[in-house]
Amino acid sequence: MNTITVEKLKERLDSGEELNFLDVREDHERAEFNIGGKHIPVGKIQLFETEDIEDWKDQEIIVYCRSGNRSGIATNILLQAGFEKPINLAGGMLAWREKFGDK
């Protein structure tokens, strides 16, 4: 499974790169803080309910959750479902907020 650090992701964002984000947390977690993208909770990913991101099948997708665990699960499921480039955000939103706050 491919991963990306919060530092590398921030560099890419700061350079203006357009990225596909997939937040796999629950609604209440997303409402608290997120870095954007589509929202499909990991439970729906586990049921292969990925219609909203089918157009991303051959594109890089940065998958994130609270700590990196659920996004790791989702990344593996996406690979099994034929998505070519899902990447897990190591440490998730906990690492992001520890390093960058709410920016």
C-alpha atoms as a PDB file:
ATOM      1  CA  MET A   1       0.000   0.000   0.000  1.00  0.00           C
ATOM      2  CA  ASN A   2       1.286   3.436  -0.917  1.00  0.00           C
ATOM      3  CA  THR A   3       1.364   6.114   1.768  1.00  0.00           C
ATOM      4  CA  ILE A   4       2.075   9.829   1.906  1.00  0.00           C
ATOM      5  CA  THR A   5       3.167  11.892   4.899  1.00  0.00           C
ATOM      6  CA  VAL A   6       1.302  14.996   5.994  1.00  0.00           C
ATOM      7  CA  GLU A   7       4.427  17.046   5.267  1.00  0.00           C
ATOM      8  CA  LYS A   8       4.646  15.825   1.653  1.00  0.00           C
ATOM      9  CA  LEU A   9       0.922  16.324   1.158  1.00  0.00           C
ATOM     10  CA  LYS A  10       1.126  19.899   2.491  1.00  0.00           C
ATOM     11  CA  GLU A  11       4.013  20.623   0.097  1.00  0.00           C
ATOM     12  CA  ARG A  12       1.928  19.386  -2.820  1.00  0.00           C
ATOM     13  CA  LEU A  13      -1.083  21.458  -1.729  1.00  0.00           C
ATOM     14  CA  ASP A  14       1.035  24.564  -1.180  1.00  0.00           C
ATOM     15  CA  SER A  15       2.449  24.199  -4.711  1.00  0.00           C
ATOM     16  CA  GLY A  16      -1.105  24.458  -6.063  1.00  0.00           C
ATOM     17  CA  GLU A  17      -1.387  20.858  -7.196  1.00  0.00           C
ATOM     18  CA  GLU A  18      -4.974  19.654  -7.667  1.00  0.00           C
ATOM     19  CA  LEU A  19      -5.549  16.466  -5.700  1.00  0.00           C
ATOM     20  CA  ASN A  20      -8.390  13.981  -5.235  1.00  0.00           C
ATOM     21  CA  PHE A  21      -9.211  13.592  -1.543  1.00  0.00           C
ATOM     22  CA  LEU A  22     -11.380  10.872  -0.048  1.00  0.00           C
ATOM     23  CA  ASP A  23     -12.424  11.255   3.600  1.00  0.00           C
ATOM     24  CA  VAL A  24     -13.509   7.865   4.998  1.00  0.00           C
ATOM     25  CA  ARG A  25     -14.409   9.057   8.512  1.00  0.00           C
ATOM     26  CA  GLU A  26     -17.889   9.292   9.975  1.00  0.00           C
ATOM     27  CA  ASP A  27     -20.063  12.392   9.501  1.00  0.00           C
ATOM     28  CA  HIS A  28     -19.388  13.850  12.966  1.00  0.00           C
ATOM     29  CA  GLU A  29     -15.612  13.537  12.482  1.00  0.00           C
ATOM     30  CA  ARG A  30     -15.753  15.277   9.113  1.00  0.00           C
ATOM     31  CA  ALA A  31     -17.868  18.096  10.570  1.00  0.00           C
ATOM     32  CA  GLU A  32     -15.172  18.729  13.186  1.00  0.00           C
ATOM     33  CA  PHE A  33     -12.289  19.177  10.716  1.00  0.00           C
ATOM     34  CA  ASN A  34     -11.403  18.071   7.192  1.00  0.00           C
ATOM     35  CA  ILE A  35      -9.069  18.950   4.344  1.00  0.00           C
ATOM     36  CA  GLY A  36     -11.721  18.615   1.662  1.00  0.00           C
ATOM     37  CA  GLY A  37     -12.623  16.076  -0.950  1.00  0.00           C
ATOM     38  CA  LYS A  38     -15.394  13.550  -1.245  1.00  0.00           C
ATOM     39  CA  HIS A  39     -16.821  11.889   1.824  1.00  0.00           C
ATOM     40  CA  ILE A  40     -17.588   8.174   1.805  1.00  0.00           C
ATOM     41  CA  PRO A  41     -17.409   6.508   5.255  1.00  0.00           C
ATOM     42  CA  VAL A  42     -15.253   3.374   5.333  1.00  0.00           C
ATOM     43  CA  GLY A  43     -18.353   1.222   5.968  1.00  0.00           C
ATOM     44  CA  LYS A  44     -19.678   2.182   2.542  1.00  0.00           C
ATOM     45  CA  ILE A  45     -16.281   1.540   0.949  1.00  0.00           C
ATOM     46  CA  GLN A  46     -16.368  -1.947   2.509  1.00  0.00           C
ATOM     47  CA  LEU A  47     -19.678  -2.503   0.702  1.00  0.00           C
ATOM     48  CA  PHE A  48     -18.044  -1.282  -2.540  1.00  0.00           C
ATOM     49  CA  GLU A  49     -20.346   1.769  -2.633  1.00  0.00           C
ATOM     50  CA  THR A  50     -17.880   3.812  -4.668  1.00  0.00           C
ATOM     51  CA  GLU A  51     -20.083   5.230  -7.447  1.00  0.00           C
ATOM     52  CA  ASP A  52     -19.217   8.808  -6.429  1.00  0.00           C
ATOM     53  CA  ILE A  53     -15.537   8.259  -7.234  1.00  0.00           C
ATOM     54  CA  GLU A  54     -15.686   5.915 -10.233  1.00  0.00           C
ATOM     55  CA  ASP A  55     -14.187   8.650 -12.409  1.00  0.00           C
ATOM     56  CA  TRP A  56     -11.085   8.526 -10.174  1.00  0.00           C
ATOM     57  CA  LYS A  57     -10.339   4.845 -10.946  1.00  0.00           C
ATOM     58  CA  ASP A  58      -7.138   5.635 -12.851  1.00  0.00           C
ATOM     59  CA  GLN A  59      -6.199   8.749 -10.856  1.00  0.00           C
ATOM     60  CA  GLU A  60      -4.310   9.247  -7.622  1.00  0.00           C
ATOM     61  CA  ILE A  61      -6.615   9.410  -4.586  1.00  0.00           C
ATOM     62  CA  ILE A  62      -5.400  10.620  -1.192  1.00  0.00           C
ATOM     63  CA  VAL A  63      -7.448   8.626   1.343  1.00  0.00           C
ATOM     64  CA  TYR A  64      -7.646   9.934   4.898  1.00  0.00           C
ATOM     65  CA  CYS A  65      -9.295   9.282   8.249  1.00  0.00           C
ATOM     66  CA  ARG A  66      -8.604  10.200  11.858  1.00  0.00           C
ATOM     67  CA  SER A  67      -5.379   8.234  12.385  1.00  0.00           C
ATOM     68  CA  GLY A  68      -4.581   6.383   9.157  1.00  0.00           C
ATOM     69  CA  ASN A  69      -6.059   3.019  10.156  1.00  0.00           C
ATOM     70  CA  ARG A  70      -9.457   3.182   8.448  1.00  0.00           C
ATOM     71  CA  SER A  71      -7.955   4.908   5.438  1.00  0.00           C
ATOM     72  CA  GLY A  72      -5.468   2.045   5.204  1.00  0.00           C
ATOM     73  CA  ILE A  73      -8.369  -0.414   5.115  1.00  0.00           C
ATOM     74  CA  ALA A  74     -10.172   1.720   2.532  1.00  0.00           C
ATOM     75  CA  THR A  75      -7.019   2.003   0.405  1.00  0.00           C
ATOM     76  CA  ASN A  76      -6.701  -1.785   0.255  1.00  0.00           C
ATOM     77  CA  ILE A  77     -10.391  -2.193  -0.619  1.00  0.00           C
ATOM     78  CA  LEU A  78     -10.091   0.391  -3.382  1.00  0.00           C
ATOM     79  CA  LEU A  79      -7.124  -1.495  -4.821  1.00  0.00           C
ATOM     80  CA  GLN A  80      -9.197  -4.699  -4.811  1.00  0.00           C
ATOM     81  CA  ALA A  81     -12.026  -2.804  -6.538  1.00  0.00           C
ATOM     82  CA  GLY A  82      -9.757  -1.802  -9.419  1.00  0.00           C
ATOM     83  CA  PHE A  83      -8.680   1.675  -8.347  1.00  0.00           C
ATOM     84  CA  GLU A  84      -5.122   2.118  -9.556  1.00  0.00           C
ATOM     85  CA  LYS A  85      -3.599   4.777  -7.292  1.00  0.00           C
ATOM     86  CA  PRO A  86      -5.145   5.091  -3.827  1.00  0.00           C
ATOM     87  CA  ILE A  87      -2.669   6.505  -1.301  1.00  0.00           C
ATOM     88  CA  ASN A  88      -3.118   6.377   2.468  1.00  0.00           C
ATOM     89  CA  LEU A  89      -2.401   9.562   4.439  1.00  0.00           C
ATOM     90  CA  ALA A  90      -0.075   8.320   7.192  1.00  0.00           C
ATOM     91  CA  GLY A  91      -1.278   9.447  10.604  1.00  0.00           C
ATOM     92  CA  GLY A  92      -4.486  10.936   9.224  1.00  0.00           C
ATOM     93  CA  MET A  93      -6.052  14.089  10.630  1.00  0.00           C
ATOM     94  CA  LEU A  94      -4.336  13.578  13.984  1.00  0.00           C
ATOM     95  CA  ALA A  95      -0.924  13.945  12.321  1.00  0.00           C
ATOM     96  CA  TRP A  96      -2.155  16.841  10.166  1.00  0.00           C
ATOM     97  CA  ARG A  97      -3.491  18.819  13.132  1.00  0.00           C
ATOM     98  CA  GLU A  98      -0.432  18.055  15.252  1.00  0.00           C
ATOM     99  CA  LYS A  99       1.846  19.393  12.512  1.00  0.00           C
ATOM    100  CA  PHE A 100      -0.241  22.183  10.952  1.00  0.00           C
ATOM    101  CA  GLY A 101      -3.184  22.897  13.246  1.00  0.00           C
ATOM    102  CA  ASP A 102      -6.441  23.617  11.433  1.00  0.00           C
ATOM    103  CA  LYS A 103      -4.792  25.065   8.299  1.00  0.00           C
END
